[in-house]
Amino acid sequence: MPLIKNTLMVTIMLCISGNMKTFDQIFVMTGGGPGTSSEVVALYAYNVSMNRMRYGYGSTAAIGILILSLGLIMLSRLAGRKKEES
């Protein structure tokens, strides 16, 4: 396990960043519908920006995605360091 720790940490970070970018598949297949049942944050930011013409609010949602992604990646890195020090 100690030898593959770095590989696991990279995999976790890639999974987190990949899950935050699931805009294209959902937009092409369902467009967020029916209703808003399959709407993710990235699709919400797009709909607010482009359909409702609220560009500031949509960009704020996109920045929120960035901050959330960076926060989750930093938490996973801290969790990896804690295990290493023990």
Protein backbone atom coordinates (compact mmCIF):
# COMPACT_ATOMS: atom_id res chain seq x y z
CA MET A 1 0.00 0.00 0.00
CA PRO A 2 2.71 2.58 0.76
CA LEU A 3 4.21 2.12 -2.70
CA ILE A 4 1.00 2.97 -4.54
CA LYS A 5 -0.03 5.87 -2.30
CA ASN A 6 1.11 8.52 -4.79
CA THR A 7 -0.73 6.79 -7.62
CA LEU A 8 -3.90 6.64 -5.54
CA MET A 9 -3.65 10.34 -4.68
CA VAL A 10 -3.29 11.30 -8.35
CA THR A 11 -6.23 9.06 -9.23
CA ILE A 12 -8.40 10.64 -6.54
CA MET A 13 -7.56 14.16 -7.73
CA LEU A 14 -8.33 13.25 -11.34
CA CYS A 15 -11.64 11.70 -10.32
CA ILE A 16 -12.65 14.80 -8.37
CA SER A 17 -11.79 17.13 -11.23
CA GLY A 18 -13.45 14.84 -13.76
CA ASN A 19 -16.68 14.66 -11.78
CA MET A 20 -16.89 18.44 -11.64
CA LYS A 21 -16.74 18.66 -15.44
CA THR A 22 -19.71 16.48 -16.41
CA PHE A 23 -21.35 19.24 -18.42
CA ASP A 24 -20.99 17.97 -21.97
CA GLN A 25 -22.53 14.50 -21.68
CA ILE A 26 -25.56 15.73 -19.75
CA PHE A 27 -26.07 18.71 -22.05
CA VAL A 28 -25.96 16.57 -25.19
CA MET A 29 -28.08 13.68 -23.89
CA THR A 30 -30.78 15.35 -21.80
CA GLY A 31 -30.17 19.10 -21.66
CA GLY A 32 -30.72 18.89 -17.91
CA GLY A 33 -34.19 17.46 -18.20
CA PRO A 34 -36.83 16.34 -17.75
CA GLY A 35 -37.30 19.49 -15.78
CA THR A 36 -34.10 19.91 -13.80
CA SER A 37 -33.73 16.29 -12.66
CA SER A 38 -30.30 15.76 -14.25
CA GLU A 39 -28.99 19.32 -13.95
CA VAL A 40 -25.50 19.62 -12.45
CA VAL A 41 -23.82 22.82 -11.26
CA ALA A 42 -21.95 23.38 -14.53
CA LEU A 43 -25.18 23.03 -16.54
CA TYR A 44 -26.92 25.36 -14.10
CA ALA A 45 -24.19 27.98 -14.61
CA TYR A 46 -24.56 27.63 -18.38
CA ASN A 47 -28.35 27.93 -18.28
CA VAL A 48 -28.24 30.98 -16.03
CA SER A 49 -25.60 32.66 -18.18
CA MET A 50 -26.82 31.88 -21.67
CA ASN A 51 -30.58 31.31 -21.35
CA ARG A 52 -31.45 33.82 -18.62
CA MET A 53 -28.76 36.38 -19.63
CA ARG A 54 -27.47 36.71 -16.05
CA TYR A 55 -23.77 36.59 -16.86
CA GLY A 56 -22.49 37.68 -13.45
CA TYR A 57 -24.50 35.06 -11.57
CA GLY A 58 -23.46 32.34 -14.02
CA SER A 59 -19.78 33.23 -13.71
CA THR A 60 -20.14 33.23 -9.93
CA ALA A 61 -21.49 29.67 -10.12
CA ALA A 62 -18.53 28.69 -12.31
CA ILE A 63 -16.08 30.22 -9.81
CA GLY A 64 -17.90 28.27 -7.10
CA ILE A 65 -17.20 25.06 -9.02
CA LEU A 66 -13.52 26.03 -9.18
CA ILE A 67 -13.33 26.77 -5.45
CA LEU A 68 -15.16 23.55 -4.56
CA SER A 69 -12.85 21.49 -6.79
CA LEU A 70 -9.72 23.07 -5.34
CA GLY A 71 -11.03 22.58 -1.82
CA LEU A 72 -11.73 18.89 -2.39
CA ILE A 73 -8.33 18.38 -3.97
CA MET A 74 -6.60 20.11 -1.06
CA LEU A 75 -8.55 17.96 1.42
CA SER A 76 -7.51 14.79 -0.38
CA ARG A 77 -3.88 15.96 -0.37
CA LEU A 78 -4.06 16.70 3.36
CA ALA A 79 -5.60 13.30 4.01
CA GLY A 80 -2.72 11.69 2.10
CA ARG A 81 -0.14 13.58 4.14
CA LYS A 82 -1.77 12.66 7.45
CA LYS A 83 -1.58 8.98 6.60
CA GLU A 84 2.06 9.36 5.57
CA GLU A 85 3.08 10.97 8.86
CA SER A 86 1.38 8.32 11.02
